[in-house]
């Protein structure tokens, strides 16, 4: 499943709330936030099958065709077959991601974006709801 939203206005202090179900055969999914598909301030990518770390959350940023260095988070509260809620707050200088178990991780706003106008969700994730607040 894939969802792509353009021309949004997500500014500092705003939170994106995503609720969905992870299929029983999931490998990975991603939530991307930026200005367009070539300028991603946050690439949030839970992986059930990472070659290096097994279950891991990989965060990164993309500027045109260049990925930056990965930030890997071993806290992994995702289970296949379960429904989850993920909250991403754009804090201006960083992204704060609240995971389903309440653990909070931070990822820097490496592209110095002042607003988010593009969001995509793709991979092994069945969206139930999507809300901005």
N, C-alpha and C. Protein backbone atom coordinates (compact mmCIF):
# COMPACT_ATOMS: atom_id res chain seq x y z
N UNK A 1 0.84 -1.19 0.00
CA UNK A 1 0.00 0.00 0.00
C UNK A 1 0.88 1.24 0.00
N UNK A 2 0.42 2.27 -0.66
CA UNK A 2 1.18 3.50 -0.75
C UNK A 2 0.26 4.70 -0.62
N UNK A 3 0.70 5.70 0.10
CA UNK A 3 -0.04 6.96 0.24
C UNK A 3 0.97 8.07 0.03
N UNK A 4 0.62 9.04 -0.80
CA UNK A 4 1.50 10.17 -1.05
C UNK A 4 0.68 11.44 -1.00
N UNK A 5 1.05 12.38 -0.13
CA UNK A 5 0.34 13.65 0.01
C UNK A 5 1.28 14.79 -0.35
N UNK A 6 0.78 15.70 -1.19
CA UNK A 6 1.54 16.87 -1.61
C UNK A 6 0.82 18.13 -1.15
N UNK A 7 1.51 19.25 -1.14
CA UNK A 7 0.93 20.55 -0.81
C UNK A 7 0.30 20.60 0.58
N UNK A 8 0.90 19.90 1.52
CA UNK A 8 0.45 19.97 2.90
C UNK A 8 1.13 21.16 3.56
N UNK A 9 0.66 21.51 4.74
CA UNK A 9 1.35 22.52 5.53
C UNK A 9 1.48 21.96 6.95
N UNK A 10 2.66 21.44 7.23
CA UNK A 10 2.99 20.93 8.55
C UNK A 10 4.14 21.81 9.04
N UNK A 11 3.87 22.58 10.10
CA UNK A 11 4.88 23.51 10.59
C UNK A 11 5.38 23.06 11.95
N UNK A 12 6.38 23.74 12.44
CA UNK A 12 6.97 23.40 13.73
C UNK A 12 5.90 23.33 14.82
N UNK A 13 5.91 22.24 15.56
CA UNK A 13 4.92 22.02 16.61
C UNK A 13 3.78 21.11 16.20
N UNK A 14 3.61 20.90 14.90
CA UNK A 14 2.53 20.04 14.40
C UNK A 14 2.90 18.57 14.52
N UNK A 15 1.87 17.74 14.73
CA UNK A 15 2.08 16.30 14.87
C UNK A 15 1.28 15.54 13.82
N UNK A 16 1.94 14.58 13.21
CA UNK A 16 1.32 13.66 12.27
C UNK A 16 1.04 12.37 13.04
N UNK A 17 -0.23 11.94 13.04
CA UNK A 17 -0.61 10.71 13.74
C UNK A 17 -1.02 9.68 12.70
N UNK A 18 -0.34 8.55 12.72
CA UNK A 18 -0.59 7.48 11.75
C UNK A 18 -0.98 6.22 12.51
N UNK A 19 -2.08 5.64 12.10
CA UNK A 19 -2.53 4.38 12.70
C UNK A 19 -2.67 3.37 11.58
N UNK A 20 -2.17 2.17 11.80
CA UNK A 20 -2.27 1.16 10.75
C UNK A 20 -1.97 -0.22 11.27
N UNK A 21 -2.12 -1.19 10.38
CA UNK A 21 -1.88 -2.59 10.72
C UNK A 21 -0.68 -3.10 9.94
N UNK A 22 0.17 -3.83 10.65
CA UNK A 22 1.33 -4.44 10.02
C UNK A 22 0.94 -5.85 9.59
N UNK A 23 1.02 -6.17 8.30
CA UNK A 23 0.63 -7.51 7.84
C UNK A 23 1.50 -8.62 8.46
N UNK A 24 0.97 -9.82 8.48
CA UNK A 24 1.68 -10.97 9.04
C UNK A 24 2.98 -11.28 8.29
N UNK A 25 3.05 -10.91 7.02
CA UNK A 25 4.23 -11.22 6.22
C UNK A 25 5.10 -9.98 5.96
N UNK A 26 5.01 -8.97 6.84
CA UNK A 26 5.71 -7.70 6.64
C UNK A 26 7.23 -7.88 6.65
N UNK A 27 7.90 -7.12 5.77
CA UNK A 27 9.35 -7.03 5.77
C UNK A 27 9.81 -5.66 6.27
N UNK A 28 9.16 -4.59 5.73
CA UNK A 28 9.50 -3.22 6.11
C UNK A 28 8.47 -2.26 5.58
N UNK A 29 8.42 -1.08 6.21
CA UNK A 29 7.60 0.02 5.70
C UNK A 29 8.33 1.32 5.98
N UNK A 30 7.86 2.39 5.37
CA UNK A 30 8.53 3.68 5.55
C UNK A 30 7.53 4.82 5.60
N UNK A 31 7.85 5.81 6.42
CA UNK A 31 7.14 7.09 6.46
C UNK A 31 8.18 8.14 6.08
N UNK A 32 7.87 8.92 5.04
CA UNK A 32 8.77 9.97 4.57
C UNK A 32 8.11 11.33 4.75
N UNK A 33 8.87 12.29 5.24
CA UNK A 33 8.37 13.65 5.42
C UNK A 33 9.40 14.63 4.89
N UNK A 34 8.95 15.56 4.04
CA UNK A 34 9.87 16.54 3.48
C UNK A 34 9.12 17.57 2.65
N UNK A 35 9.78 18.06 1.59
CA UNK A 35 9.13 19.03 0.71
C UNK A 35 8.68 18.37 -0.60
N UNK A 36 9.33 17.29 -0.98
CA UNK A 36 8.94 16.49 -2.14
C UNK A 36 9.71 15.17 -2.06
N UNK A 37 9.50 14.29 -3.04
CA UNK A 37 10.12 12.96 -2.94
C UNK A 37 11.64 12.98 -3.09
N UNK A 38 12.21 14.11 -3.52
CA UNK A 38 13.66 14.24 -3.64
C UNK A 38 14.30 14.98 -2.47
N UNK A 39 13.48 15.51 -1.57
CA UNK A 39 13.97 16.24 -0.40
C UNK A 39 13.21 15.74 0.83
N UNK A 40 13.75 14.69 1.43
CA UNK A 40 13.11 14.01 2.56
C UNK A 40 13.88 14.36 3.83
N UNK A 41 13.23 15.08 4.73
CA UNK A 41 13.86 15.43 5.99
C UNK A 41 13.89 14.26 6.96
N UNK A 42 12.84 13.43 6.89
CA UNK A 42 12.78 12.24 7.74
C UNK A 42 12.33 11.05 6.90
N UNK A 43 13.17 10.05 6.85
CA UNK A 43 12.85 8.73 6.29
C UNK A 43 12.84 7.79 7.50
N UNK A 44 11.64 7.37 7.92
CA UNK A 44 11.46 6.51 9.09
C UNK A 44 11.13 5.13 8.56
N UNK A 45 12.03 4.14 8.81
CA UNK A 45 11.95 2.87 8.11
C UNK A 45 12.14 1.67 9.04
N UNK A 46 11.04 1.21 9.70
CA UNK A 46 11.13 -0.03 10.49
C UNK A 46 11.35 -1.23 9.57
N UNK A 47 12.35 -2.05 9.92
CA UNK A 47 12.70 -3.22 9.10
C UNK A 47 12.65 -4.49 9.96
N UNK A 48 11.95 -5.48 9.45
CA UNK A 48 11.90 -6.79 10.12
C UNK A 48 12.99 -7.71 9.60
N UNK A 49 13.71 -7.27 8.58
CA UNK A 49 14.60 -8.18 7.85
C UNK A 49 15.96 -7.59 7.53
N UNK A 50 16.43 -6.65 8.35
CA UNK A 50 17.69 -5.98 8.03
C UNK A 50 18.86 -6.97 8.06
N UNK A 51 19.72 -6.89 7.05
CA UNK A 51 20.85 -7.82 6.94
C UNK A 51 21.82 -7.69 8.11
N UNK A 52 21.95 -6.51 8.67
CA UNK A 52 22.90 -6.27 9.75
C UNK A 52 22.29 -6.48 11.14
N UNK A 53 21.13 -5.87 11.38
CA UNK A 53 20.58 -5.82 12.73
C UNK A 53 19.28 -6.58 12.93
N UNK A 54 18.77 -7.26 11.92
CA UNK A 54 17.49 -7.97 12.08
C UNK A 54 16.36 -6.97 12.21
N UNK A 55 15.70 -6.92 13.39
CA UNK A 55 14.65 -5.94 13.63
C UNK A 55 15.28 -4.62 14.05
N UNK A 56 15.09 -3.58 13.23
CA UNK A 56 15.71 -2.29 13.50
C UNK A 56 14.90 -1.19 12.83
N UNK A 57 14.95 0.00 13.42
CA UNK A 57 14.36 1.18 12.78
C UNK A 57 15.52 1.99 12.22
N UNK A 58 15.46 2.27 10.92
CA UNK A 58 16.48 3.08 10.27
C UNK A 58 15.87 4.43 9.93
N UNK A 59 16.53 5.50 10.34
CA UNK A 59 16.12 6.85 9.97
C UNK A 59 17.23 7.48 9.14
N UNK A 60 16.81 8.30 8.19
CA UNK A 60 17.79 8.94 7.33
C UNK A 60 17.15 10.17 6.70
N UNK A 61 17.93 10.91 5.93
CA UNK A 61 17.43 12.04 5.15
C UNK A 61 17.97 11.92 3.73
N UNK A 62 17.22 12.50 2.80
CA UNK A 62 17.57 12.43 1.38
C UNK A 62 17.52 13.83 0.79
N UNK A 63 18.60 14.21 0.09
CA UNK A 63 18.61 15.47 -0.63
C UNK A 63 18.96 15.15 -2.07
N UNK A 64 17.97 15.29 -2.95
CA UNK A 64 18.05 14.88 -4.33
C UNK A 64 18.40 13.40 -4.37
N UNK A 65 19.48 12.97 -4.94
CA UNK A 65 19.77 11.54 -5.00
C UNK A 65 20.74 11.08 -3.92
N UNK A 66 21.02 11.93 -2.93
CA UNK A 66 22.05 11.61 -1.95
C UNK A 66 21.47 11.33 -0.57
N UNK A 67 21.59 10.08 -0.13
CA UNK A 67 21.21 9.72 1.23
C UNK A 67 22.33 10.15 2.17
N UNK A 68 21.96 10.57 3.36
CA UNK A 68 22.94 10.92 4.39
C UNK A 68 23.27 9.65 5.18
N UNK A 69 23.91 9.78 6.33
CA UNK A 69 24.25 8.60 7.13
C UNK A 69 23.02 8.13 7.91
N UNK A 70 22.90 6.81 8.03
CA UNK A 70 21.76 6.22 8.72
C UNK A 70 21.88 6.39 10.23
N UNK A 71 20.74 6.58 10.86
CA UNK A 71 20.66 6.51 12.32
C UNK A 71 19.85 5.25 12.61
N UNK A 72 20.42 4.33 13.37
CA UNK A 72 19.76 3.05 13.66
C UNK A 72 19.30 3.00 15.10
N UNK A 73 18.06 2.58 15.27
CA UNK A 73 17.44 2.49 16.59
C UNK A 73 17.07 1.03 16.83
N UNK A 74 17.64 0.44 17.87
CA UNK A 74 17.37 -0.98 18.15
C UNK A 74 16.10 -1.19 18.96
N UNK A 75 15.55 -0.12 19.55
CA UNK A 75 14.24 -0.22 20.20
C UNK A 75 13.24 -0.52 19.09
N UNK A 76 12.57 -1.68 19.14
CA UNK A 76 11.74 -2.11 18.02
C UNK A 76 10.39 -2.65 18.54
N UNK A 77 9.41 -1.76 18.74
CA UNK A 77 8.12 -2.17 19.32
C UNK A 77 7.09 -2.60 18.28
N UNK A 78 7.53 -3.06 17.13
CA UNK A 78 6.60 -3.46 16.08
C UNK A 78 6.52 -4.97 15.99
N UNK A 79 5.30 -5.48 15.84
CA UNK A 79 5.08 -6.91 15.67
C UNK A 79 4.19 -7.15 14.47
N UNK A 80 4.54 -8.14 13.70
CA UNK A 80 3.72 -8.51 12.55
C UNK A 80 2.33 -8.89 13.02
N UNK A 81 1.32 -8.47 12.26
CA UNK A 81 -0.07 -8.80 12.58
C UNK A 81 -0.73 -7.85 13.57
N UNK A 82 -0.01 -6.86 14.07
CA UNK A 82 -0.57 -5.95 15.07
C UNK A 82 -0.91 -4.59 14.49
N UNK A 83 -1.87 -3.92 15.13
CA UNK A 83 -2.21 -2.54 14.80
C UNK A 83 -1.34 -1.62 15.65
N UNK A 84 -0.83 -0.55 15.05
CA UNK A 84 0.07 0.36 15.75
C UNK A 84 -0.30 1.82 15.50
N UNK A 85 0.15 2.67 16.42
CA UNK A 85 0.03 4.13 16.26
C UNK A 85 1.44 4.71 16.33
N UNK A 86 1.73 5.61 15.40
CA UNK A 86 3.01 6.30 15.36
C UNK A 86 2.72 7.80 15.33
N UNK A 87 3.38 8.56 16.19
CA UNK A 87 3.20 10.01 16.24
C UNK A 87 4.53 10.66 15.88
N UNK A 88 4.51 11.53 14.87
CA UNK A 88 5.72 12.25 14.48
C UNK A 88 5.45 13.74 14.65
N UNK A 89 6.20 14.36 15.55
CA UNK A 89 6.07 15.80 15.78
C UNK A 89 7.25 16.50 15.12
N UNK A 90 6.91 17.47 14.27
CA UNK A 90 7.94 18.29 13.62
C UNK A 90 8.28 19.41 14.59
N UNK A 91 9.51 19.42 15.09
CA UNK A 91 9.90 20.38 16.12
C UNK A 91 10.77 21.50 15.56
N UNK A 92 10.81 21.64 14.25
CA UNK A 92 11.64 22.68 13.64
C UNK A 92 13.05 22.19 13.40
N UNK A 93 13.83 22.02 14.48
CA UNK A 93 15.21 21.57 14.32
C UNK A 93 15.33 20.04 14.36
N UNK A 94 14.20 19.36 14.62
CA UNK A 94 14.24 17.89 14.68
C UNK A 94 12.84 17.31 14.49
N UNK A 95 12.82 16.00 14.36
CA UNK A 95 11.58 15.23 14.31
C UNK A 95 11.56 14.37 15.57
N UNK A 96 10.44 14.39 16.27
CA UNK A 96 10.28 13.55 17.45
C UNK A 96 9.30 12.45 17.09
N UNK A 97 9.73 11.21 17.22
CA UNK A 97 8.90 10.06 16.83
C UNK A 97 8.54 9.29 18.09
N UNK A 98 7.23 9.22 18.39
CA UNK A 98 6.76 8.45 19.52
C UNK A 98 6.32 7.09 19.00
N UNK A 99 6.99 6.06 19.47
CA UNK A 99 6.74 4.69 19.02
C UNK A 99 5.56 4.08 19.77
N UNK A 100 5.01 2.98 19.27
CA UNK A 100 3.83 2.36 19.89
C UNK A 100 3.99 2.00 21.37
N UNK A 101 5.22 1.74 21.82
CA UNK A 101 5.43 1.38 23.22
C UNK A 101 5.69 2.59 24.11
N UNK A 102 5.59 3.80 23.53
CA UNK A 102 5.81 5.02 24.29
C UNK A 102 7.24 5.55 24.21
N UNK A 103 8.17 4.73 23.71
CA UNK A 103 9.56 5.17 23.54
C UNK A 103 9.59 6.33 22.54
N UNK A 104 10.38 7.35 22.84
CA UNK A 104 10.49 8.51 21.96
C UNK A 104 11.90 8.57 21.39
N UNK A 105 11.98 8.72 20.08
CA UNK A 105 13.28 8.89 19.44
C UNK A 105 13.29 10.22 18.70
N UNK A 106 14.48 10.79 18.54
CA UNK A 106 14.64 12.07 17.86
C UNK A 106 15.52 11.89 16.64
N UNK A 107 15.20 12.64 15.59
CA UNK A 107 16.04 12.64 14.40
C UNK A 107 16.21 14.10 13.97
N UNK A 108 17.44 14.54 13.73
CA UNK A 108 17.67 15.96 13.39
C UNK A 108 17.09 16.35 12.03
N UNK A 109 16.69 17.61 11.93
CA UNK A 109 16.22 18.18 10.66
C UNK A 109 17.45 18.60 9.87
N UNK A 110 18.10 17.64 9.23
CA UNK A 110 19.37 17.88 8.53
C UNK A 110 19.23 18.81 7.33
N UNK A 111 18.03 18.89 6.75
CA UNK A 111 17.84 19.75 5.58
C UNK A 111 17.40 21.15 5.96
N UNK A 112 17.28 21.42 7.26
CA UNK A 112 16.83 22.73 7.78
C UNK A 112 15.50 23.16 7.17
N UNK A 113 14.57 22.22 7.05
CA UNK A 113 13.25 22.53 6.50
C UNK A 113 12.49 23.40 7.49
N UNK A 114 11.75 24.39 6.97
CA UNK A 114 10.94 25.21 7.87
C UNK A 114 9.49 24.74 7.90
N UNK A 115 9.10 23.93 6.93
CA UNK A 115 7.78 23.30 6.94
C UNK A 115 7.85 22.00 6.15
N UNK A 116 6.86 21.16 6.38
CA UNK A 116 6.74 19.89 5.67
C UNK A 116 5.55 20.01 4.73
N UNK A 117 5.77 19.75 3.46
CA UNK A 117 4.67 19.83 2.50
C UNK A 117 4.43 18.50 1.78
N UNK A 118 5.23 17.48 2.12
CA UNK A 118 5.13 16.19 1.45
C UNK A 118 5.23 15.08 2.50
N UNK A 119 4.30 14.14 2.44
CA UNK A 119 4.34 12.96 3.30
C UNK A 119 4.01 11.74 2.45
N UNK A 120 4.76 10.67 2.63
CA UNK A 120 4.42 9.41 1.97
C UNK A 120 4.55 8.28 2.99
N UNK A 121 3.68 7.30 2.83
CA UNK A 121 3.73 6.08 3.63
C UNK A 121 3.67 4.94 2.62
N UNK A 122 4.64 4.04 2.68
CA UNK A 122 4.63 2.93 1.73
C UNK A 122 5.26 1.69 2.34
N UNK A 123 5.07 0.59 1.68
CA UNK A 123 5.62 -0.67 2.16
C UNK A 123 4.55 -1.52 2.82
N UNK A 124 4.99 -2.37 3.75
CA UNK A 124 4.11 -3.35 4.39
C UNK A 124 3.39 -2.73 5.58
N UNK A 125 2.40 -1.89 5.27
CA UNK A 125 1.65 -1.17 6.29
C UNK A 125 0.28 -0.84 5.73
N UNK A 126 -0.78 -1.28 6.40
CA UNK A 126 -2.15 -0.99 5.95
C UNK A 126 -2.72 0.15 6.78
N UNK A 127 -2.78 1.32 6.17
CA UNK A 127 -3.21 2.53 6.87
C UNK A 127 -4.67 2.41 7.31
N UNK A 128 -4.92 2.79 8.56
CA UNK A 128 -6.27 2.84 9.10
C UNK A 128 -6.72 4.29 9.23
N UNK A 129 -5.82 5.14 9.75
CA UNK A 129 -6.15 6.58 9.85
C UNK A 129 -4.88 7.41 9.80
N UNK A 130 -5.09 8.68 9.47
CA UNK A 130 -4.02 9.62 9.23
C UNK A 130 -4.54 10.98 9.69
N UNK A 131 -3.85 11.63 10.61
CA UNK A 131 -4.38 12.88 11.16
C UNK A 131 -3.25 13.86 11.44
N UNK A 132 -3.50 15.14 11.19
CA UNK A 132 -2.57 16.20 11.53
C UNK A 132 -3.16 17.00 12.68
N UNK A 133 -2.32 17.33 13.65
CA UNK A 133 -2.82 18.19 14.75
C UNK A 133 -1.71 19.09 15.25
